[in-house]
Every structure is written in structure tokens, then in C-alpha cells.
Amino acid sequence: MIRSKVLAGALALAVVAGGAGRLSVLHAATQEAARPMAVSQVNLNTATSAELEKLPGVGPALASRILEYRTKNGGFKKIEDLMNVKGIGEKSFLKLKPQITIAPPRVAER
């Protein structure tokens, strides 16, 4: 909704501005509309590989290592445990921190 308003406003401005400015304003509005929406928080103890890959800088190989760590260690106890996964240092962790959470893994019902 917000993106469509931004795009509509930029188009209106482009029409009023005319000339060469019209293309740059339209380009800026298109870039804004093309940005991916923010990822909601991903639970490290329940996320699938596909969900992990939505995080910035996490591809299939890193997602696989996160899942492997989770399996071997019985889940993440705190989000900082993510730095124990090969390929995730402090810098990467700080980038991911606002987008990750943990909750205890679900225990199968009997």
C-alpha cells in the first residue's frame, strides 16, 4: 500500500516536472518499490532451510550449516550461539540479530 502511494506520488511528480527530471524521479520510485520487504523474525529452532535463506547473507550452504548445528546441539539456547556456526562471525551476527529469535524446539506430542 505504501509502495503504491510512493510510486503514484513519484509518477505525479514526474508528470509535473517534465523533461529529464521525469526519468530520474520515476527511476527512484521504481527502485523504492522494488526493494524486498523486511523479513519477519526467523526462529532459529524451527526455521526451514528456505526460511533461513530469506535472511540477508544466508544462502543454501550456510542454511545447511545452521540446521546441522541445531540438530547436533539440540537447538539454539541463545541467539548468540549462531556465531558458533562456521561462516557467521560477529559482523554477520550483528546484521542478522534484529531478524532472528529463538524459542524452544517443539517436543513431539505423545
Protein backbone atom coordinates (compact mmCIF):
# COMPACT_ATOMS: atom_id res chain seq x y z
CA MET A 1 0.00 0.00 0.00
CA ILE A 2 2.75 2.44 0.97
CA ARG A 3 4.82 1.44 -2.05
CA SER A 4 1.92 2.06 -4.42
CA LYS A 5 1.41 5.52 -2.87
CA VAL A 6 5.11 6.28 -3.27
CA LEU A 7 5.01 5.14 -6.89
CA ALA A 8 1.82 7.11 -7.60
CA GLY A 9 3.31 10.23 -5.99
CA ALA A 10 6.51 9.86 -7.99
CA LEU A 11 4.56 9.43 -11.22
CA ALA A 12 2.53 12.56 -10.47
CA LEU A 13 5.72 14.47 -9.71
CA ALA A 14 7.31 13.19 -12.91
CA VAL A 15 4.39 14.48 -14.96
CA VAL A 16 4.61 17.91 -13.30
CA ALA A 17 8.41 18.07 -13.50
CA GLY A 18 8.62 17.00 -17.14
CA GLY A 19 11.88 16.79 -19.10
CA ALA A 20 14.96 14.84 -17.95
CA GLY A 21 13.97 15.03 -14.28
CA ARG A 22 10.99 12.85 -15.02
CA LEU A 23 13.11 9.78 -15.66
CA SER A 24 15.24 10.15 -12.53
CA VAL A 25 12.17 10.60 -10.30
CA LEU A 26 10.49 7.61 -11.91
CA HIS A 27 13.66 5.53 -11.54
CA ALA A 28 13.91 6.41 -7.82
CA ALA A 29 10.27 5.44 -7.25
CA THR A 30 10.76 2.17 -9.10
CA GLN A 31 13.84 1.36 -7.01
CA GLU A 32 11.89 2.01 -3.80
CA ALA A 33 9.03 -0.22 -4.93
CA ALA A 34 11.46 -2.98 -5.95
CA ARG A 35 13.15 -3.26 -2.54
CA PRO A 36 12.32 -6.51 -0.77
CA MET A 37 10.06 -6.20 2.22
CA ALA A 38 11.62 -6.71 5.64
CA VAL A 39 11.80 -10.31 6.76
CA SER A 40 9.81 -11.03 9.90
CA GLN A 41 11.77 -12.64 12.70
CA VAL A 42 13.00 -16.13 11.95
CA ASN A 43 13.04 -18.66 14.79
CA LEU A 44 16.40 -20.42 14.61
CA ASN A 45 14.98 -23.50 16.36
CA THR A 46 12.09 -24.08 13.97
CA ALA A 47 13.05 -22.44 10.66
CA THR A 48 13.33 -24.45 7.49
CA SER A 49 16.23 -24.05 5.10
CA ALA A 50 14.04 -21.89 2.83
CA GLU A 51 13.12 -19.60 5.73
CA LEU A 52 16.76 -19.22 6.75
CA GLU A 53 17.73 -18.37 3.18
CA LYS A 54 15.45 -15.33 3.31
CA LEU A 55 17.85 -13.79 5.82
CA PRO A 56 20.47 -11.43 4.35
CA GLY A 57 23.71 -13.20 3.53
CA VAL A 58 22.32 -16.68 4.17
CA GLY A 59 22.45 -19.00 1.18
CA PRO A 60 21.83 -22.73 0.88
CA ALA A 61 25.25 -23.75 2.29
CA LEU A 62 25.02 -21.53 5.36
CA ALA A 63 21.39 -22.51 5.96
CA SER A 64 22.51 -26.14 5.89
CA ARG A 65 25.24 -25.46 8.48
CA ILE A 66 22.71 -23.68 10.73
CA LEU A 67 20.37 -26.68 10.55
CA GLU A 68 23.28 -29.06 11.19
CA TYR A 69 24.34 -27.06 14.27
CA ARG A 70 20.75 -27.05 15.53
CA THR A 71 20.47 -30.83 15.14
CA LYS A 72 23.83 -31.62 16.76
CA ASN A 73 23.32 -29.28 19.72
CA GLY A 74 19.64 -29.77 20.46
CA GLY A 75 18.74 -26.30 19.23
CA PHE A 76 19.95 -22.81 19.96
CA LYS A 77 19.91 -21.80 23.63
CA LYS A 78 20.55 -18.10 22.87
CA ILE A 79 20.77 -16.20 19.60
CA GLU A 80 24.47 -15.58 20.14
CA ASP A 81 25.00 -19.34 19.62
CA LEU A 82 24.57 -18.55 15.93
CA MET A 83 28.18 -17.30 15.96
CA ASN A 84 29.24 -20.91 16.63
CA VAL A 85 28.17 -21.78 13.07
CA LYS A 86 31.06 -21.69 10.60
CA GLY A 87 30.71 -18.62 8.41
CA ILE A 88 28.92 -16.43 10.92
CA GLY A 89 31.17 -14.02 12.73
CA GLU A 90 30.32 -11.05 14.88
CA LYS A 91 29.76 -8.73 11.92
CA SER A 92 27.33 -11.13 10.21
CA PHE A 93 25.62 -11.86 13.52
CA LEU A 94 25.03 -8.16 14.22
CA LYS A 95 23.42 -7.80 10.78
CA LEU A 96 21.14 -10.79 11.45
CA LYS A 97 20.36 -10.11 15.11
CA PRO A 98 17.23 -7.94 14.58
CA GLN A 99 15.75 -10.58 12.31
CA ILE A 100 16.28 -13.72 14.39
CA THR A 101 14.75 -15.12 17.52
CA ILE A 102 14.75 -18.40 19.37
CA ALA A 103 12.10 -20.40 21.08
CA PRO A 104 12.46 -23.91 22.42
CA PRO A 105 12.11 -26.56 19.75
CA ARG A 106 8.71 -28.19 19.80
CA VAL A 107 8.62 -31.54 21.52
CA ALA A 108 6.63 -34.20 19.69
CA GLU A 109 3.31 -34.84 21.42
CA ARG A 110 2.72 -38.30 22.78
